Amino acid sequence: MMRITGRASETPSRFGRAALAAVVATSMLALSACGVETVSERRKATITLDQAKAQVDGYLAEIVAKLPVEPLASRSGDFVDSYCDSNDVGPQGRKQTSRGYGFGDVPLDRRAESAASFRTLLMAKGFETVQEATADWVKLRNPENEFVAVLSGASDDSSDLSLEVSTPCLWPKGTPSP
């Protein structure tokens, strides 16, 4: 039996070991978010926000060219920039951006054909399935650069078919903020 004397004991209690293990496990999960293993890796330079936007537009153009449906507008909407959320452990100031197209009310057979074309094109480029909870949307991620592409409304004719490509967390100017 351990005696508590008001100083740190050399033998940690079971509760202390369990608490320490929980903290270490939680820290490791948080640090592995977004494919980054350590906070110091998150301080590394990234591509700039402008370079990321050009890459998003490149992916969008390539995807739209292969889909059997046409977007409602000749150019997708504005980019949506946002700071990385609170789940992003690491230095503050990194951002993500995304842009997409809307296709409107597309017949169900064209939606299925679009989803198949979307999946085939991106998987050939190295993208991997992230999550496909239902057949209504397809979410793919490029493991090399962490860009994500989502086709929503693939099997649900009660919502519009839409496409979005988003970036990973990155430094707006490519280097960490001071």
C-alpha atoms as a PDB file:
ATOM      1  CA  MET A   1       0.000   0.000   0.000  1.00  0.00           C
ATOM      2  CA  MET A   2       1.305   3.446  -0.955  1.00  0.00           C
ATOM      3  CA  ARG A   3       1.539   6.198   1.565  1.00  0.00           C
ATOM      4  CA  ILE A   4       0.699   9.725   0.445  1.00  0.00           C
ATOM      5  CA  THR A   5       3.168  12.211   1.837  1.00  0.00           C
ATOM      6  CA  GLY A   6       2.394  15.341  -0.174  1.00  0.00           C
ATOM      7  CA  ARG A   7       5.246  14.767  -2.632  1.00  0.00           C
ATOM      8  CA  ALA A   8       5.252  12.998  -5.935  1.00  0.00           C
ATOM      9  CA  SER A   9       5.350   9.283  -5.506  1.00  0.00           C
ATOM     10  CA  GLU A  10       7.894   7.260  -7.409  1.00  0.00           C
ATOM     11  CA  THR A  11       5.234   4.636  -8.191  1.00  0.00           C
ATOM     12  CA  PRO A  12       2.222   5.991 -10.087  1.00  0.00           C
ATOM     13  CA  SER A  13      -1.199   4.786  -9.046  1.00  0.00           C
ATOM     14  CA  ARG A  14      -3.408   2.752 -11.347  1.00  0.00           C
ATOM     15  CA  PHE A  15      -5.575   5.828 -11.809  1.00  0.00           C
ATOM     16  CA  GLY A  16      -2.523   7.906 -12.690  1.00  0.00           C
ATOM     17  CA  ARG A  17      -1.312   5.368 -15.241  1.00  0.00           C
ATOM     18  CA  ALA A  18      -4.788   5.123 -16.785  1.00  0.00           C
ATOM     19  CA  ALA A  19      -5.117   8.913 -16.935  1.00  0.00           C
ATOM     20  CA  LEU A  20      -1.677   9.225 -18.512  1.00  0.00           C
ATOM     21  CA  ALA A  21      -2.529   6.548 -21.079  1.00  0.00           C
ATOM     22  CA  ALA A  22      -5.784   8.357 -21.919  1.00  0.00           C
ATOM     23  CA  VAL A  23      -3.970  11.671 -22.392  1.00  0.00           C
ATOM     24  CA  VAL A  24      -1.329  10.076 -24.608  1.00  0.00           C
ATOM     25  CA  ALA A  25      -3.963   8.257 -26.717  1.00  0.00           C
ATOM     26  CA  THR A  26      -6.063  11.407 -27.112  1.00  0.00           C
ATOM     27  CA  SER A  27      -3.008  13.446 -28.046  1.00  0.00           C
ATOM     28  CA  MET A  28      -1.941  10.913 -30.655  1.00  0.00           C
ATOM     29  CA  LEU A  29      -5.420  10.888 -32.221  1.00  0.00           C
ATOM     30  CA  ALA A  30      -5.535  14.672 -32.343  1.00  0.00           C
ATOM     31  CA  LEU A  31      -2.053  14.944 -33.797  1.00  0.00           C
ATOM     32  CA  SER A  32      -2.838  12.432 -36.513  1.00  0.00           C
ATOM     33  CA  ALA A  33      -5.782  14.514 -37.777  1.00  0.00           C
ATOM     34  CA  CYS A  34      -5.453  15.692 -41.401  1.00  0.00           C
ATOM     35  CA  GLY A  35      -2.706  13.130 -42.043  1.00  0.00           C
ATOM     36  CA  VAL A  36      -0.134  15.031 -39.996  1.00  0.00           C
ATOM     37  CA  GLU A  37       1.708  13.214 -37.235  1.00  0.00           C
ATOM     38  CA  THR A  38       3.200  16.040 -35.166  1.00  0.00           C
ATOM     39  CA  VAL A  39       2.662  19.707 -34.456  1.00  0.00           C
ATOM     40  CA  SER A  40       6.113  20.422 -35.916  1.00  0.00           C
ATOM     41  CA  GLU A  41       4.968  18.862 -39.214  1.00  0.00           C
ATOM     42  CA  ARG A  42       2.069  21.323 -39.206  1.00  0.00           C
ATOM     43  CA  ARG A  43       4.578  24.163 -39.036  1.00  0.00           C
ATOM     44  CA  LYS A  44       6.143  23.088 -42.330  1.00  0.00           C
ATOM     45  CA  ALA A  45       5.615  25.159 -45.447  1.00  0.00           C
ATOM     46  CA  THR A  46       2.664  24.301 -47.686  1.00  0.00           C
ATOM     47  CA  ILE A  47       1.515  25.438 -51.078  1.00  0.00           C
ATOM     48  CA  THR A  48      -0.036  28.906 -50.989  1.00  0.00           C
ATOM     49  CA  LEU A  49      -3.764  29.563 -50.919  1.00  0.00           C
ATOM     50  CA  ASP A  50      -3.546  30.890 -54.498  1.00  0.00           C
ATOM     51  CA  GLN A  51      -1.737  27.719 -55.655  1.00  0.00           C
ATOM     52  CA  ALA A  52      -4.369  25.612 -53.879  1.00  0.00           C
ATOM     53  CA  LYS A  53      -7.165  27.526 -55.616  1.00  0.00           C
ATOM     54  CA  ALA A  54      -5.534  26.894 -58.988  1.00  0.00           C
ATOM     55  CA  GLN A  55      -5.314  23.182 -58.143  1.00  0.00           C
ATOM     56  CA  VAL A  56      -8.997  23.126 -57.076  1.00  0.00           C
ATOM     57  CA  ASP A  57      -9.948  24.755 -60.386  1.00  0.00           C
ATOM     58  CA  GLY A  58      -7.818  22.200 -62.243  1.00  0.00           C
ATOM     59  CA  TYR A  59      -9.568  19.292 -60.543  1.00  0.00           C
ATOM     60  CA  LEU A  60     -12.995  20.873 -61.153  1.00  0.00           C
ATOM     61  CA  ALA A  61     -12.303  21.454 -64.849  1.00  0.00           C
ATOM     62  CA  GLU A  62     -11.092  17.901 -65.317  1.00  0.00           C
ATOM     63  CA  ILE A  63     -14.058  16.398 -63.449  1.00  0.00           C
ATOM     64  CA  VAL A  64     -16.668  18.532 -65.224  1.00  0.00           C
ATOM     65  CA  ALA A  65     -15.166  17.625 -68.612  1.00  0.00           C
ATOM     66  CA  LYS A  66     -15.698  13.904 -67.831  1.00  0.00           C
ATOM     67  CA  LEU A  67     -19.204  14.113 -66.353  1.00  0.00           C
ATOM     68  CA  PRO A  68     -22.181  13.315 -68.592  1.00  0.00           C
ATOM     69  CA  VAL A  69     -24.049  16.403 -67.290  1.00  0.00           C
ATOM     70  CA  GLU A  70     -23.388  20.127 -67.614  1.00  0.00           C
ATOM     71  CA  PRO A  71     -23.164  22.533 -64.666  1.00  0.00           C
ATOM     72  CA  LEU A  72     -25.751  25.297 -64.383  1.00  0.00           C
ATOM     73  CA  ALA A  73     -23.107  28.026 -64.786  1.00  0.00           C
ATOM     74  CA  SER A  74     -20.069  28.174 -67.030  1.00  0.00           C
ATOM     75  CA  ARG A  75     -17.926  29.029 -64.012  1.00  0.00           C
ATOM     76  CA  SER A  76     -18.272  27.712 -60.495  1.00  0.00           C
ATOM     77  CA  GLY A  77     -19.109  30.057 -57.626  1.00  0.00           C
ATOM     78  CA  ASP A  78     -16.679  31.978 -55.492  1.00  0.00           C
ATOM     79  CA  PHE A  79     -14.114  30.202 -53.376  1.00  0.00           C
ATOM     80  CA  VAL A  80     -15.136  29.658 -49.775  1.00  0.00           C
ATOM     81  CA  ASP A  81     -12.122  30.235 -47.525  1.00  0.00           C
ATOM     82  CA  SER A  82     -12.255  29.243 -43.872  1.00  0.00           C
ATOM     83  CA  TYR A  83      -9.854  28.859 -41.000  1.00  0.00           C
ATOM     84  CA  CYS A  84      -9.113  25.282 -40.019  1.00  0.00           C
ATOM     85  CA  ASP A  85     -11.474  24.233 -37.257  1.00  0.00           C
ATOM     86  CA  SER A  86     -10.832  23.547 -33.594  1.00  0.00           C
ATOM     87  CA  ASN A  87     -10.191  19.849 -34.357  1.00  0.00           C
ATOM     88  CA  ASP A  88      -7.046  20.919 -36.187  1.00  0.00           C
ATOM     89  CA  VAL A  89      -4.441  20.651 -33.447  1.00  0.00           C
ATOM     90  CA  GLY A  90      -1.480  22.792 -34.239  1.00  0.00           C
ATOM     91  CA  PRO A  91      -0.526  26.313 -35.154  1.00  0.00           C
ATOM     92  CA  GLN A  92      -3.345  28.775 -35.716  1.00  0.00           C
ATOM     93  CA  GLY A  93      -3.752  30.668 -38.971  1.00  0.00           C
ATOM     94  CA  ARG A  94      -3.973  27.834 -41.471  1.00  0.00           C
ATOM     95  CA  LYS A  95      -6.875  27.893 -43.929  1.00  0.00           C
ATOM     96  CA  GLN A  96      -8.817  25.659 -46.258  1.00  0.00           C
ATOM     97  CA  THR A  97     -10.688  26.657 -49.384  1.00  0.00           C
ATOM     98  CA  SER A  98     -13.280  25.020 -51.593  1.00  0.00           C
ATOM     99  CA  ARG A  99     -15.276  25.652 -54.725  1.00  0.00           C
ATOM    100  CA  GLY A 100     -17.944  23.741 -56.535  1.00  0.00           C
ATOM    101  CA  TYR A 101     -20.562  23.465 -59.241  1.00  0.00           C
ATOM    102  CA  GLY A 102     -24.288  22.927 -59.116  1.00  0.00           C
ATOM    103  CA  PHE A 103     -25.971  20.791 -61.771  1.00  0.00           C
ATOM    104  CA  GLY A 104     -29.585  21.301 -60.735  1.00  0.00           C
ATOM    105  CA  ASP A 105     -32.301  18.711 -61.041  1.00  0.00           C
ATOM    106  CA  VAL A 106     -30.661  15.919 -63.031  1.00  0.00           C
ATOM    107  CA  PRO A 107     -32.601  12.721 -63.946  1.00  0.00           C
ATOM    108  CA  LEU A 108     -31.757   9.750 -61.719  1.00  0.00           C
ATOM    109  CA  ASP A 109     -30.096   7.697 -64.464  1.00  0.00           C
ATOM    110  CA  ARG A 110     -27.750  10.613 -65.294  1.00  0.00           C
ATOM    111  CA  ARG A 111     -26.906  10.984 -61.584  1.00  0.00           C
ATOM    112  CA  ALA A 112     -25.803   7.344 -61.371  1.00  0.00           C
ATOM    113  CA  GLU A 113     -23.789   7.729 -64.569  1.00  0.00           C
ATOM    114  CA  SER A 114     -22.196  10.916 -63.173  1.00  0.00           C
ATOM    115  CA  ALA A 115     -21.264   9.183 -59.911  1.00  0.00           C
ATOM    116  CA  ALA A 116     -19.641   6.305 -61.800  1.00  0.00           C
ATOM    117  CA  SER A 117     -17.676   8.692 -64.045  1.00  0.00           C
ATOM    118  CA  PHE A 118     -16.618  10.794 -61.044  1.00  0.00           C
ATOM    119  CA  ARG A 119     -15.401   7.757 -59.104  1.00  0.00           C
ATOM    120  CA  THR A 120     -13.602   6.193 -62.091  1.00  0.00           C
ATOM    121  CA  LEU A 121     -11.776   9.407 -63.034  1.00  0.00           C
ATOM    122  CA  LEU A 122     -10.572  10.268 -59.549  1.00  0.00           C
ATOM    123  CA  MET A 123      -9.629   6.748 -58.504  1.00  0.00           C
ATOM    124  CA  ALA A 124      -7.488   6.522 -61.652  1.00  0.00           C
ATOM    125  CA  LYS A 125      -5.744   9.689 -60.401  1.00  0.00           C
ATOM    126  CA  GLY A 126      -4.983   8.035 -57.039  1.00  0.00           C
ATOM    127  CA  PHE A 127      -7.925   9.306 -54.999  1.00  0.00           C
ATOM    128  CA  GLU A 128      -9.369   6.915 -52.419  1.00  0.00           C
ATOM    129  CA  THR A 129     -12.868   6.549 -51.014  1.00  0.00           C
ATOM    130  CA  VAL A 130     -13.180   8.451 -47.740  1.00  0.00           C
ATOM    131  CA  GLN A 131     -16.710   7.641 -46.826  1.00  0.00           C
ATOM    132  CA  GLU A 132     -19.759   6.497 -48.680  1.00  0.00           C
ATOM    133  CA  ALA A 133     -22.489   6.247 -46.061  1.00  0.00           C
ATOM    134  CA  THR A 134     -25.187   6.164 -48.708  1.00  0.00           C
ATOM    135  CA  ALA A 135     -25.239   5.974 -52.449  1.00  0.00           C
ATOM    136  CA  ASP A 136     -26.363   9.632 -52.457  1.00  0.00           C
ATOM    137  CA  TRP A 137     -22.868  11.076 -52.253  1.00  0.00           C
ATOM    138  CA  VAL A 138     -19.362  10.024 -53.106  1.00  0.00           C
ATOM    139  CA  LYS A 139     -16.411  11.465 -51.165  1.00  0.00           C
ATOM    140  CA  LEU A 140     -12.868  10.819 -52.385  1.00  0.00           C
ATOM    141  CA  ARG A 141      -9.504  12.050 -51.043  1.00  0.00           C
ATOM    142  CA  ASN A 142      -6.103  12.226 -52.668  1.00  0.00           C
ATOM    143  CA  PRO A 143      -3.699  10.708 -50.086  1.00  0.00           C
ATOM    144  CA  GLU A 144      -0.720  12.502 -51.626  1.00  0.00           C
ATOM    145  CA  ASN A 145      -1.992  16.059 -51.269  1.00  0.00           C
ATOM    146  CA  GLU A 146      -5.109  15.682 -49.050  1.00  0.00           C
ATOM    147  CA  PHE A 147      -7.481  17.386 -51.528  1.00  0.00           C
ATOM    148  CA  VAL A 148     -11.067  16.114 -51.232  1.00  0.00           C
ATOM    149  CA  ALA A 149     -13.755  15.889 -53.919  1.00  0.00           C
ATOM    150  CA  VAL A 150     -17.435  15.275 -53.152  1.00  0.00           C
ATOM    151  CA  LEU A 151     -20.315  14.573 -55.531  1.00  0.00           C
ATOM    152  CA  SER A 152     -23.612  15.063 -53.672  1.00  0.00           C
ATOM    153  CA  GLY A 153     -27.108  14.120 -54.778  1.00  0.00           C
ATOM    154  CA  ALA A 154     -25.888  11.135 -56.760  1.00  0.00           C
ATOM    155  CA  SER A 155     -28.987   9.025 -56.123  1.00  0.00           C
ATOM    156  CA  ASP A 156     -31.513  11.365 -54.524  1.00  0.00           C
ATOM    157  CA  ASP A 157     -33.762  13.204 -56.940  1.00  0.00           C
ATOM    158  CA  SER A 158     -35.137  15.341 -54.091  1.00  0.00           C
ATOM    159  CA  SER A 159     -31.922  17.383 -54.012  1.00  0.00           C
ATOM    160  CA  ASP A 160     -29.749  18.937 -56.690  1.00  0.00           C
ATOM    161  CA  LEU A 161     -26.615  17.255 -57.965  1.00  0.00           C
ATOM    162  CA  SER A 162     -23.517  19.181 -56.878  1.00  0.00           C
ATOM    163  CA  LEU A 163     -19.742  18.889 -56.942  1.00  0.00           C
ATOM    164  CA  GLU A 164     -17.206  20.370 -54.521  1.00  0.00           C
ATOM    165  CA  VAL A 165     -13.423  20.167 -54.281  1.00  0.00           C
ATOM    166  CA  SER A 166     -11.654  21.327 -51.109  1.00  0.00           C
ATOM    167  CA  THR A 167      -8.071  21.718 -49.959  1.00  0.00           C
ATOM    168  CA  PRO A 168      -6.297  20.480 -46.853  1.00  0.00           C
ATOM    169  CA  CYS A 169      -5.267  22.937 -44.127  1.00  0.00           C
ATOM    170  CA  LEU A 170      -2.484  25.150 -45.458  1.00  0.00           C
ATOM    171  CA  TRP A 171      -0.652  28.373 -44.804  1.00  0.00           C
ATOM    172  CA  PRO A 172      -2.208  31.179 -46.907  1.00  0.00           C
ATOM    173  CA  LYS A 173       1.231  32.456 -47.970  1.00  0.00           C
ATOM    174  CA  GLY A 174       2.859  29.009 -47.917  1.00  0.00           C
ATOM    175  CA  THR A 175       4.878  29.567 -44.760  1.00  0.00           C
ATOM    176  CA  PRO A 176       3.810  29.623 -41.111  1.00  0.00           C
ATOM    177  CA  SER A 177       2.589  32.882 -39.685  1.00  0.00           C
ATOM    178  CA  PRO A 178       5.065  34.505 -37.294  1.00  0.00           C
END
